[in-house]
Amino acid sequence: MTMFAVAATAIVIAMVLALIRAIAGPSLYDRVLAGNSFGTKTVLLIGLMGFLTGRPDFLDIALLYALINFTGTLAILRFFSYRTPSRALAEPSPKTTPSQKEGAV
């Protein structure tokens, strides 16, 4: 039982470190990676708690959360691949710049 308590403590510490990286990340991709890492650690913690309490249905919840975490990460990366964070809410990013239009023949 103490081994699982140590594992749960290590997972919580890793979650706190990922949360710190998500807040203080220098770039957008560092923050997305930290959020994905936090979600993965959450899946591990849910699975571990399900094992400790003897409830195998927690594994289904953990798998569902992992699927939602993966889909959310892909959605966020796709959103920011087409828009820059500063203009994400203001206007869509242009397909061509004015300098590209002038240089076209």
PDB file of N, CA and C in Angstrom:
ATOM      1  N   MET A   1       0.820  -1.193   0.000  1.00  0.00           N
ATOM      2  CA  MET A   1       0.000   0.000   0.000  1.00  0.00           C
ATOM      3  C   MET A   1       0.867   1.263   0.000  1.00  0.00           C
ATOM      4  N   THR A   2       1.992   1.245   0.690  1.00  0.00           N
ATOM      5  CA  THR A   2       2.839   2.436   0.738  1.00  0.00           C
ATOM      6  C   THR A   2       3.487   2.708  -0.623  1.00  0.00           C
ATOM      7  N   MET A   3       3.730   1.647  -1.394  1.00  0.00           N
ATOM      8  CA  MET A   3       4.316   1.839  -2.711  1.00  0.00           C
ATOM      9  C   MET A   3       3.365   2.638  -3.610  1.00  0.00           C
ATOM     10  N   PHE A   4       2.070   2.361  -3.498  1.00  0.00           N
ATOM     11  CA  PHE A   4       1.097   3.083  -4.300  1.00  0.00           C
ATOM     12  C   PHE A   4       0.922   4.522  -3.814  1.00  0.00           C
ATOM     13  N   ALA A   5       1.090   4.734  -2.531  1.00  0.00           N
ATOM     14  CA  ALA A   5       1.034   6.103  -2.007  1.00  0.00           C
ATOM     15  C   ALA A   5       2.219   6.914  -2.517  1.00  0.00           C
ATOM     16  N   VAL A   6       3.379   6.294  -2.588  1.00  0.00           N
ATOM     17  CA  VAL A   6       4.561   6.971  -3.127  1.00  0.00           C
ATOM     18  C   VAL A   6       4.356   7.270  -4.611  1.00  0.00           C
ATOM     19  N   ALA A   7       3.778   6.317  -5.340  1.00  0.00           N
ATOM     20  CA  ALA A   7       3.508   6.537  -6.768  1.00  0.00           C
ATOM     21  C   ALA A   7       2.509   7.679  -6.960  1.00  0.00           C
ATOM     22  N   ALA A   8       1.464   7.720  -6.138  1.00  0.00           N
ATOM     23  CA  ALA A   8       0.480   8.799  -6.235  1.00  0.00           C
ATOM     24  C   ALA A   8       1.117  10.147  -5.908  1.00  0.00           C
ATOM     25  N   THR A   9       1.987  10.173  -4.920  1.00  0.00           N
ATOM     26  CA  THR A   9       2.683  11.413  -4.566  1.00  0.00           C
ATOM     27  C   THR A   9       3.592  11.875  -5.701  1.00  0.00           C
ATOM     28  N   ALA A  10       4.291  10.942  -6.328  1.00  0.00           N
ATOM     29  CA  ALA A  10       5.165  11.296  -7.449  1.00  0.00           C
ATOM     30  C   ALA A  10       4.357  11.827  -8.624  1.00  0.00           C
ATOM     31  N   ILE A  11       3.200  11.249  -8.880  1.00  0.00           N
ATOM     32  CA  ILE A  11       2.358  11.725  -9.971  1.00  0.00           C
ATOM     33  C   ILE A  11       1.846  13.130  -9.672  1.00  0.00           C
ATOM     34  N   VAL A  12       1.447  13.379  -8.437  1.00  0.00           N
ATOM     35  CA  VAL A  12       0.957  14.713  -8.068  1.00  0.00           C
ATOM     36  C   VAL A  12       2.069  15.750  -8.189  1.00  0.00           C
ATOM     37  N   ILE A  13       3.276  15.401  -7.797  1.00  0.00           N
ATOM     38  CA  ILE A  13       4.411  16.324  -7.933  1.00  0.00           C
ATOM     39  C   ILE A  13       4.679  16.612  -9.408  1.00  0.00           C
ATOM     40  N   ALA A  14       4.617  15.583 -10.253  1.00  0.00           N
ATOM     41  CA  ALA A  14       4.808  15.791 -11.693  1.00  0.00           C
ATOM     42  C   ALA A  14       3.694  16.654 -12.276  1.00  0.00           C
ATOM     43  N   MET A  15       2.471  16.516 -11.745  1.00  0.00           N
ATOM     44  CA  MET A  15       1.366  17.349 -12.212  1.00  0.00           C
ATOM     45  C   MET A  15       1.588  18.810 -11.832  1.00  0.00           C
ATOM     46  N   VAL A  16       2.090  19.051 -10.635  1.00  0.00           N
ATOM     47  CA  VAL A  16       2.371  20.424 -10.200  1.00  0.00           C
ATOM     48  C   VAL A  16       3.463  21.043 -11.075  1.00  0.00           C
ATOM     49  N   LEU A  17       4.505  20.270 -11.390  1.00  0.00           N
ATOM     50  CA  LEU A  17       5.574  20.779 -12.253  1.00  0.00           C
ATOM     51  C   LEU A  17       5.054  21.078 -13.663  1.00  0.00           C
ATOM     52  N   ALA A  18       4.174  20.216 -14.174  1.00  0.00           N
ATOM     53  CA  ALA A  18       3.593  20.469 -15.499  1.00  0.00           C
ATOM     54  C   ALA A  18       2.704  21.703 -15.473  1.00  0.00           C
ATOM     55  N   LEU A  19       1.998  21.905 -14.380  1.00  0.00           N
ATOM     56  CA  LEU A  19       1.150  23.091 -14.260  1.00  0.00           C
ATOM     57  C   LEU A  19       1.996  24.366 -14.198  1.00  0.00           C
ATOM     58  N   ILE A  20       3.120  24.309 -13.517  1.00  0.00           N
ATOM     59  CA  ILE A  20       4.029  25.459 -13.473  1.00  0.00           C
ATOM     60  C   ILE A  20       4.566  25.759 -14.873  1.00  0.00           C
ATOM     61  N   ARG A  21       4.906  24.717 -15.624  1.00  0.00           N
ATOM     62  CA  ARG A  21       5.396  24.911 -16.984  1.00  0.00           C
ATOM     63  C   ARG A  21       4.291  25.478 -17.883  1.00  0.00           C
ATOM     64  N   ALA A  22       3.064  25.058 -17.656  1.00  0.00           N
ATOM     65  CA  ALA A  22       1.951  25.569 -18.461  1.00  0.00           C
ATOM     66  C   ALA A  22       1.722  27.054 -18.203  1.00  0.00           C
ATOM     67  N   ILE A  23       1.940  27.481 -16.987  1.00  0.00           N
ATOM     68  CA  ILE A  23       1.740  28.894 -16.659  1.00  0.00           C
ATOM     69  C   ILE A  23       2.930  29.733 -17.109  1.00  0.00           C
ATOM     70  N   ALA A  24       4.144  29.247 -16.910  1.00  0.00           N
ATOM     71  CA  ALA A  24       5.341  30.042 -17.171  1.00  0.00           C
ATOM     72  C   ALA A  24       6.037  29.687 -18.479  1.00  0.00           C
ATOM     73  N   GLY A  25       5.404  28.878 -19.320  1.00  0.00           N
ATOM     74  CA  GLY A  25       6.050  28.458 -20.555  1.00  0.00           C
ATOM     75  C   GLY A  25       6.397  29.626 -21.455  1.00  0.00           C
ATOM     76  N   PRO A  26       7.595  29.640 -22.024  1.00  0.00           N
ATOM     77  CA  PRO A  26       7.975  30.787 -22.853  1.00  0.00           C
ATOM     78  C   PRO A  26       7.225  30.843 -24.191  1.00  0.00           C
ATOM     79  N   SER A  27       6.778  29.705 -24.688  1.00  0.00           N
ATOM     80  CA  SER A  27       6.071  29.726 -25.965  1.00  0.00           C
ATOM     81  C   SER A  27       4.738  28.995 -25.841  1.00  0.00           C
ATOM     82  N   LEU A  28       3.934  29.158 -26.866  1.00  0.00           N
ATOM     83  CA  LEU A  28       2.626  28.519 -26.897  1.00  0.00           C
ATOM     84  C   LEU A  28       2.757  26.998 -26.890  1.00  0.00           C
ATOM     85  N   TYR A  29       3.728  26.489 -27.638  1.00  0.00           N
ATOM     86  CA  TYR A  29       3.872  25.038 -27.741  1.00  0.00           C
ATOM     87  C   TYR A  29       4.345  24.415 -26.432  1.00  0.00           C
ATOM     88  N   ASP A  30       5.143  25.156 -25.647  1.00  0.00           N
ATOM     89  CA  ASP A  30       5.509  24.679 -24.314  1.00  0.00           C
ATOM     90  C   ASP A  30       4.270  24.557 -23.432  1.00  0.00           C
ATOM     91  N   ARG A  31       3.376  25.509 -23.551  1.00  0.00           N
ATOM     92  CA  ARG A  31       2.148  25.474 -22.747  1.00  0.00           C
ATOM     93  C   ARG A  31       1.233  24.335 -23.171  1.00  0.00           C
ATOM     94  N   VAL A  32       1.128  24.115 -24.471  1.00  0.00           N
ATOM     95  CA  VAL A  32       0.288  23.009 -24.960  1.00  0.00           C
ATOM     96  C   VAL A  32       0.876  21.666 -24.527  1.00  0.00           C
ATOM     97  N   LEU A  33       2.177  21.528 -24.639  1.00  0.00           N
ATOM     98  CA  LEU A  33       2.830  20.287 -24.219  1.00  0.00           C
ATOM     99  C   LEU A  33       2.662  20.057 -22.718  1.00  0.00           C
ATOM    100  N   ALA A  34       2.760  21.116 -21.927  1.00  0.00           N
ATOM    101  CA  ALA A  34       2.570  20.988 -20.484  1.00  0.00           C
ATOM    102  C   ALA A  34       1.125  20.615 -20.157  1.00  0.00           C
ATOM    103  N   GLY A  35       0.174  21.191 -20.880  1.00  0.00           N
ATOM    104  CA  GLY A  35      -1.225  20.819 -20.666  1.00  0.00           C
ATOM    105  C   GLY A  35      -1.492  19.377 -21.030  1.00  0.00           C
ATOM    106  N   ASN A  36      -0.892  18.916 -22.119  1.00  0.00           N
ATOM    107  CA  ASN A  36      -1.039  17.515 -22.504  1.00  0.00           C
ATOM    108  C   ASN A  36      -0.381  16.592 -21.478  1.00  0.00           C
ATOM    109  N   SER A  37       0.769  16.986 -20.977  1.00  0.00           N
ATOM    110  CA  SER A  37       1.443  16.203 -19.947  1.00  0.00           C
ATOM    111  C   SER A  37       0.618  16.151 -18.659  1.00  0.00           C
ATOM    112  N   PHE A  38      -0.003  17.274 -18.315  1.00  0.00           N
ATOM    113  CA  PHE A  38      -0.864  17.313 -17.135  1.00  0.00           C
ATOM    114  C   PHE A  38      -2.044  16.362 -17.310  1.00  0.00           C
ATOM    115  N   GLY A  39      -2.621  16.342 -18.503  1.00  0.00           N
ATOM    116  CA  GLY A  39      -3.727  15.421 -18.773  1.00  0.00           C
ATOM    117  C   GLY A  39      -3.307  13.966 -18.703  1.00  0.00           C
ATOM    118  N   THR A  40      -2.116  13.669 -19.191  1.00  0.00           N
ATOM    119  CA  THR A  40      -1.615  12.296 -19.125  1.00  0.00           C
ATOM    120  C   THR A  40      -1.388  11.868 -17.681  1.00  0.00           C
ATOM    121  N   LYS A  41      -0.841  12.755 -16.887  1.00  0.00           N
ATOM    122  CA  LYS A  41      -0.646  12.441 -15.464  1.00  0.00           C
ATOM    123  C   LYS A  41      -1.987  12.268 -14.754  1.00  0.00           C
ATOM    124  N   THR A  42      -2.995  13.007 -15.185  1.00  0.00           N
ATOM    125  CA  THR A  42      -4.324  12.850 -14.607  1.00  0.00           C
ATOM    126  C   THR A  42      -4.882  11.468 -14.920  1.00  0.00           C
ATOM    127  N   VAL A  43      -4.657  11.001 -16.139  1.00  0.00           N
ATOM    128  CA  VAL A  43      -5.097   9.650 -16.513  1.00  0.00           C
ATOM    129  C   VAL A  43      -4.402   8.607 -15.635  1.00  0.00           C
ATOM    130  N   LEU A  44      -3.110   8.785 -15.416  1.00  0.00           N
ATOM    131  CA  LEU A  44      -2.382   7.857 -14.542  1.00  0.00           C
ATOM    132  C   LEU A  44      -2.933   7.887 -13.114  1.00  0.00           C
ATOM    133  N   LEU A  45      -3.225   9.078 -12.631  1.00  0.00           N
ATOM    134  CA  LEU A  45      -3.737   9.201 -11.264  1.00  0.00           C
ATOM    135  C   LEU A  45      -5.127   8.579 -11.128  1.00  0.00           C
ATOM    136  N   ILE A  46      -5.981   8.762 -12.131  1.00  0.00           N
ATOM    137  CA  ILE A  46      -7.311   8.148 -12.090  1.00  0.00           C
ATOM    138  C   ILE A  46      -7.196   6.627 -12.100  1.00  0.00           C
ATOM    139  N   GLY A  47      -6.313   6.107 -12.946  1.00  0.00           N
ATOM    140  CA  GLY A  47      -6.104   4.654 -12.979  1.00  0.00           C
ATOM    141  C   GLY A  47      -5.553   4.121 -11.668  1.00  0.00           C
ATOM    142  N   LEU A  48      -4.629   4.836 -11.075  1.00  0.00           N
ATOM    143  CA  LEU A  48      -4.051   4.416  -9.800  1.00  0.00           C
ATOM    144  C   LEU A  48      -5.081   4.463  -8.683  1.00  0.00           C
ATOM    145  N   MET A  49      -5.883   5.507  -8.656  1.00  0.00           N
ATOM    146  CA  MET A  49      -6.928   5.595  -7.631  1.00  0.00           C
ATOM    147  C   MET A  49      -7.984   4.504  -7.813  1.00  0.00           C
ATOM    148  N   GLY A  50      -8.287   4.166  -9.051  1.00  0.00           N
ATOM    149  CA  GLY A  50      -9.219   3.062  -9.302  1.00  0.00           C
ATOM    150  C   GLY A  50      -8.659   1.743  -8.806  1.00  0.00           C
ATOM    151  N   PHE A  51      -7.352   1.547  -8.969  1.00  0.00           N
ATOM    152  CA  PHE A  51      -6.735   0.320  -8.468  1.00  0.00           C
ATOM    153  C   PHE A  51      -6.722   0.292  -6.949  1.00  0.00           C
ATOM    154  N   LEU A  52      -6.417   1.428  -6.339  1.00  0.00           N
ATOM    155  CA  LEU A  52      -6.358   1.471  -4.879  1.00  0.00           C
ATOM    156  C   LEU A  52      -7.719   1.264  -4.233  1.00  0.00           C
ATOM    157  N   THR A  53      -8.767   1.792  -4.850  1.00  0.00           N
ATOM    158  CA  THR A  53     -10.099   1.644  -4.272  1.00  0.00           C
ATOM    159  C   THR A  53     -10.791   0.358  -4.700  1.00  0.00           C
ATOM    160  N   GLY A  54     -10.193  -0.375  -5.624  1.00  0.00           N
ATOM    161  CA  GLY A  54     -10.774  -1.638  -6.058  1.00  0.00           C
ATOM    162  C   GLY A  54     -11.960  -1.456  -6.997  1.00  0.00           C
ATOM    163  N   ARG A  55     -11.996  -0.356  -7.705  1.00  0.00           N
ATOM    164  CA  ARG A  55     -13.092  -0.080  -8.644  1.00  0.00           C
ATOM    165  C   ARG A  55     -12.542  -0.070 -10.060  1.00  0.00           C
ATOM    166  N   PRO A  56     -12.711  -1.154 -10.799  1.00  0.00           N
ATOM    167  CA  PRO A  56     -12.148  -1.225 -12.150  1.00  0.00           C
ATOM    168  C   PRO A  56     -12.837  -0.308 -13.156  1.00  0.00           C
ATOM    169  N   ASP A  57     -14.004   0.226 -12.814  1.00  0.00           N
ATOM    170  CA  ASP A  57     -14.673   1.133 -13.745  1.00  0.00           C
ATOM    171  C   ASP A  57     -13.949   2.470 -13.859  1.00  0.00           C
ATOM    172  N   PHE A  58     -13.035   2.772 -12.948  1.00  0.00           N
ATOM    173  CA  PHE A  58     -12.228   3.979 -13.068  1.00  0.00           C
ATOM    174  C   PHE A  58     -11.326   3.910 -14.295  1.00  0.00           C
ATOM    175  N   LEU A  59     -10.959   2.708 -14.714  1.00  0.00           N
ATOM    176  CA  LEU A  59     -10.117   2.557 -15.895  1.00  0.00           C
ATOM    177  C   LEU A  59     -10.857   3.032 -17.142  1.00  0.00           C
ATOM    178  N   ASP A  60     -12.156   2.777 -17.212  1.00  0.00           N
ATOM    179  CA  ASP A  60     -12.947   3.278 -18.338  1.00  0.00           C
ATOM    180  C   ASP A  60     -12.977   4.802 -18.342  1.00  0.00           C
ATOM    181  N   ILE A  61     -13.117   5.380 -17.177  1.00  0.00           N
ATOM    182  CA  ILE A  61     -13.119   6.838 -17.065  1.00  0.00           C
ATOM    183  C   ILE A  61     -11.754   7.402 -17.480  1.00  0.00           C
ATOM    184  N   ALA A  62     -10.676   6.724 -17.074  1.00  0.00           N
ATOM    185  CA  ALA A  62      -9.330   7.180 -17.424  1.00  0.00           C
ATOM    186  C   ALA A  62      -9.110   7.107 -18.933  1.00  0.00           C
ATOM    187  N   LEU A  63      -9.586   6.046 -19.570  1.00  0.00           N
ATOM    188  CA  LEU A  63      -9.437   5.931 -21.020  1.00  0.00           C
ATOM    189  C   LEU A  63     -10.238   6.999 -21.756  1.00  0.00           C
ATOM    190  N   LEU A  64     -11.427   7.275 -21.282  1.00  0.00           N
ATOM    191  CA  LEU A  64     -12.233   8.331 -21.885  1.00  0.00           C
ATOM    192  C   LEU A  64     -11.553   9.689 -21.720  1.00  0.00           C
ATOM    193  N   TYR A  65     -10.998   9.945 -20.554  1.00  0.00           N
ATOM    194  CA  TYR A  65     -10.296  11.207 -20.324  1.00  0.00           C
ATOM    195  C   TYR A  65      -9.060  11.308 -21.208  1.00  0.00           C
ATOM    196  N   ALA A  66      -8.366  10.196 -21.432  1.00  0.00           N
ATOM    197  CA  ALA A  66      -7.198  10.208 -22.315  1.00  0.00           C
ATOM    198  C   ALA A  66      -7.608  10.547 -23.742  1.00  0.00           C
ATOM    199  N   LEU A  67      -8.732  10.021 -24.195  1.00  0.00           N
ATOM    200  CA  LEU A  67      -9.217  10.330 -25.534  1.00  0.00           C
ATOM    201  C   LEU A  67      -9.595  11.800 -25.664  1.00  0.00           C
ATOM    202  N   ILE A  68     -10.255  12.341 -24.658  1.00  0.00           N
ATOM    203  CA  ILE A  68     -10.622  13.759 -24.666  1.00  0.00           C
ATOM    204  C   ILE A  68      -9.366  14.636 -24.621  1.00  0.00           C
ATOM    205  N   ASN A  69      -8.373  14.235 -23.842  1.00  0.00           N
ATOM    206  CA  ASN A  69      -7.121  14.987 -23.746  1.00  0.00           C
ATOM    207  C   ASN A  69      -6.409  15.021 -25.092  1.00  0.00           C
ATOM    208  N   PHE A  70      -6.346  13.890 -25.762  1.00  0.00           N
ATOM    209  CA  PHE A  70      -5.679  13.816 -27.063  1.00  0.00           C
ATOM    210  C   PHE A  70      -6.416  14.657 -28.104  1.00  0.00           C
ATOM    211  N   THR A  71      -7.725  14.540 -28.144  1.00  0.00           N
ATOM    212  CA  THR A  71      -8.520  15.305 -29.099  1.00  0.00           C
ATOM    213  C   THR A  71      -8.420  16.805 -28.831  1.00  0.00           C
ATOM    214  N   GLY A  72      -8.445  17.187 -27.582  1.00  0.00           N
ATOM    215  CA  GLY A  72      -8.316  18.605 -27.234  1.00  0.00           C
ATOM    216  C   GLY A  72      -6.963  19.174 -27.617  1.00  0.00           C
ATOM    217  N   THR A  73      -5.913  18.398 -27.423  1.00  0.00           N
ATOM    218  CA  THR A  73      -4.577  18.855 -27.798  1.00  0.00           C
ATOM    219  C   THR A  73      -4.475  19.050 -29.303  1.00  0.00           C
ATOM    220  N   LEU A  74      -5.016  18.109 -30.069  1.00  0.00           N
ATOM    221  CA  LEU A  74      -5.004  18.261 -31.525  1.00  0.00           C
ATOM    222  C   LEU A  74      -5.815  19.476 -31.972  1.00  0.00           C
ATOM    223  N   ALA A  75      -6.939  19.702 -31.325  1.00  0.00           N
ATOM    224  CA  ALA A  75      -7.781  20.855 -31.686  1.00  0.00           C
ATOM    225  C   ALA A  75      -7.063  22.167 -31.396  1.00  0.00           C
ATOM    226  N   ILE A  76      -6.404  22.258 -30.267  1.00  0.00           N
ATOM    227  CA  ILE A  76      -5.683  23.488 -29.919  1.00  0.00           C
ATOM    228  C   ILE A  76      -4.529  23.728 -30.887  1.00  0.00           C
ATOM    229  N   LEU A  77      -3.775  22.686 -31.209  1.00  0.00           N
ATOM    230  CA  LEU A  77      -2.662  22.854 -32.140  1.00  0.00           C
ATOM    231  C   LEU A  77      -3.152  23.217 -33.535  1.00  0.00           C
ATOM    232  N   ARG A  78      -4.247  22.638 -33.961  1.00  0.00           N
ATOM    233  CA  ARG A  78      -4.789  22.972 -35.281  1.00  0.00           C
ATOM    234  C   ARG A  78      -5.287  24.420 -35.312  1.00  0.00           C
ATOM    235  N   PHE A  79      -5.922  24.842 -34.227  1.00  0.00           N
ATOM    236  CA  PHE A  79      -6.409  26.224 -34.161  1.00  0.00           C
ATOM    237  C   PHE A  79      -5.264  27.208 -34.283  1.00  0.00           C
ATOM    238  N   PHE A  80      -4.193  26.981 -33.549  1.00  0.00           N
ATOM    239  CA  PHE A  80      -3.092  27.931 -33.556  1.00  0.00           C
ATOM    240  C   PHE A  80      -2.162  27.750 -34.755  1.00  0.00           C
ATOM    241  N   SER A  81      -2.297  26.685 -35.512  1.00  0.00           N
ATOM    242  CA  SER A  81      -1.488  26.566 -36.720  1.00  0.00           C
ATOM    243  C   SER A  81      -2.020  27.466 -37.825  1.00  0.00           C
ATOM    244  N   TYR A  82      -3.305  27.808 -37.772  1.00  0.00           N
ATOM    245  CA  TYR A  82      -3.890  28.685 -38.774  1.00  0.00           C
ATOM    246  C   TYR A  82      -3.978  30.133 -38.337  1.00  0.00           C
ATOM    247  N   ARG A  83      -3.865  30.399 -37.068  1.00  0.00           N
ATOM    248  CA  ARG A  83      -3.951  31.759 -36.546  1.00  0.00           C
ATOM    249  C   ARG A  83      -2.830  32.008 -35.566  1.00  0.00           C
ATOM    250  N   THR A  84      -2.432  33.250 -35.461  1.00  0.00           N
ATOM    251  CA  THR A  84      -1.447  33.602 -34.449  1.00  0.00           C
ATOM    252  C   THR A  84      -2.187  33.948 -33.168  1.00  0.00           C
ATOM    253  N   PRO A  85      -1.603  33.730 -31.999  1.00  0.00           N
ATOM    254  CA  PRO A  85      -2.313  33.987 -30.740  1.00  0.00           C
ATOM    255  C   PRO A  85      -2.764  35.435 -30.576  1.00  0.00           C
ATOM    256  N   SER A  86      -2.016  36.399 -31.104  1.00  0.00           N
ATOM    257  CA  SER A  86      -2.398  37.798 -30.925  1.00  0.00           C
ATOM    258  C   SER A  86      -3.613  38.167 -31.762  1.00  0.00           C
ATOM    259  N   ARG A  87      -3.814  37.496 -32.899  1.00  0.00           N
ATOM    260  CA  ARG A  87      -4.948  37.807 -33.754  1.00  0.00           C
ATOM    261  C   ARG A  87      -5.994  36.699 -33.751  1.00  0.00           C
ATOM    262  N   ALA A  88      -5.922  35.780 -32.822  1.00  0.00           N
ATOM    263  CA  ALA A  88      -6.815  34.628 -32.839  1.00  0.00           C
ATOM    264  C   ALA A  88      -8.270  35.031 -32.680  1.00  0.00           C
ATOM    265  N   LEU A  89      -8.539  36.032 -31.884  1.00  0.00           N
ATOM    266  CA  LEU A  89      -9.917  36.444 -31.661  1.00  0.00           C
ATOM    267  C   LEU A  89     -10.300  37.666 -32.490  1.00  0.00           C
ATOM    268  N   ALA A  90      -9.327  38.424 -32.982  1.00  0.00           N
ATOM    269  CA  ALA A  90      -9.632  39.659 -33.683  1.00  0.00           C
ATOM    270  C   ALA A  90     -10.066  39.416 -35.127  1.00  0.00           C
ATOM    271  N   GLU A  91      -9.245  38.730 -35.906  1.00  0.00           N
ATOM    272  CA  GLU A  91      -9.547  38.535 -37.322  1.00  0.00           C
ATOM    273  C   GLU A  91      -8.827  37.297 -37.824  1.00  0.00           C
ATOM    274  N   PRO A  92      -9.325  36.693 -38.894  1.00  0.00           N
ATOM    275  CA  PRO A  92      -8.615  35.542 -39.454  1.00  0.00           C
ATOM    276  C   PRO A  92      -7.308  35.970 -40.101  1.00  0.00           C
ATOM    277  N   SER A  93      -6.340  35.085 -40.108  1.00  0.00           N
ATOM    278  CA  SER A  93      -5.047  35.421 -40.686  1.00  0.00           C
ATOM    279  C   SER A  93      -5.173  35.460 -42.209  1.00  0.00           C
ATOM    280  N   PRO A  94      -4.483  36.406 -42.850  1.00  0.00           N
ATOM    281  CA  PRO A  94      -4.586  36.524 -44.315  1.00  0.00           C
ATOM    282  C   PRO A  94      -3.844  35.384 -44.999  1.00  0.00           C
ATOM    283  N   LYS A  95      -4.333  35.032 -46.190  1.00  0.00           N
ATOM    284  CA  LYS A  95      -3.688  33.963 -46.956  1.00  0.00           C
ATOM    285  C   LYS A  95      -2.417  34.462 -47.632  1.00  0.00           C
ATOM    286  N   THR A  96      -2.442  35.700 -48.128  1.00  0.00           N
ATOM    287  CA  THR A  96      -1.267  36.291 -48.763  1.00  0.00           C
ATOM    288  C   THR A  96      -1.019  37.662 -48.167  1.00  0.00           C
ATOM    289  N   THR A  97       0.227  38.057 -48.154  1.00  0.00           N
ATOM    290  CA  THR A  97       0.594  39.381 -47.663  1.00  0.00           C
ATOM    291  C   THR A  97       0.630  40.353 -48.834  1.00  0.00           C
ATOM    292  N   PRO A  98       0.567  41.655 -48.587  1.00  0.00           N
ATOM    293  CA  PRO A  98       0.619  42.628 -49.688  1.00  0.00           C
ATOM    294  C   PRO A  98       1.891  42.526 -50.513  1.00  0.00           C
ATOM    295  N   SER A  99       3.024  42.193 -49.885  1.00  0.00           N
ATOM    296  CA  SER A  99       4.270  42.073 -50.642  1.00  0.00           C
ATOM    297  C   SER A  99       4.221  40.883 -51.594  1.00  0.00           C
ATOM    298  N   GLN A 100       3.501  39.837 -51.243  1.00  0.00           N
ATOM    299  CA  GLN A 100       3.374  38.676 -52.125  1.00  0.00           C
ATOM    300  C   GLN A 100       2.482  39.032 -53.323  1.00  0.00           C
ATOM    301  N   LYS A 101       1.476  39.876 -53.130  1.00  0.00           N
ATOM    302  CA  LYS A 101       0.596  40.263 -54.239  1.00  0.00           C
ATOM    303  C   LYS A 101       1.328  41.140 -55.234  1.00  0.00           C
ATOM    304  N   GLU A 102       2.208  42.025 -54.762  1.00  0.00           N
ATOM    305  CA  GLU A 102       2.934  42.910 -55.655  1.00  0.00           C
ATOM    306  C   GLU A 102       3.968  42.151 -56.481  1.00  0.00           C
ATOM    307  N   GLY A 103       4.566  41.106 -55.910  1.00  0.00           N
ATOM    308  CA  GLY A 103       5.604  40.362 -56.599  1.00  0.00           C
ATOM    309  C   GLY A 103       5.053  39.348 -57.587  1.00  0.00           C
ATOM    310  N   ALA A 104       3.768  39.071 -57.542  1.00  0.00           N
ATOM    311  CA  ALA A 104       3.191  38.087 -58.455  1.00  0.00           C
ATOM    312  C   ALA A 104       3.084  38.656 -59.856  1.00  0.00           C
ATOM    313  N   VAL A 105       3.319  37.832 -60.819  1.00  0.00           N
ATOM    314  CA  VAL A 105       3.249  38.271 -62.214  1.00  0.00           C
ATOM    315  C   VAL A 105       2.020  37.723 -62.867  1.00  0.00           C
TER     316      VAL A 105
END
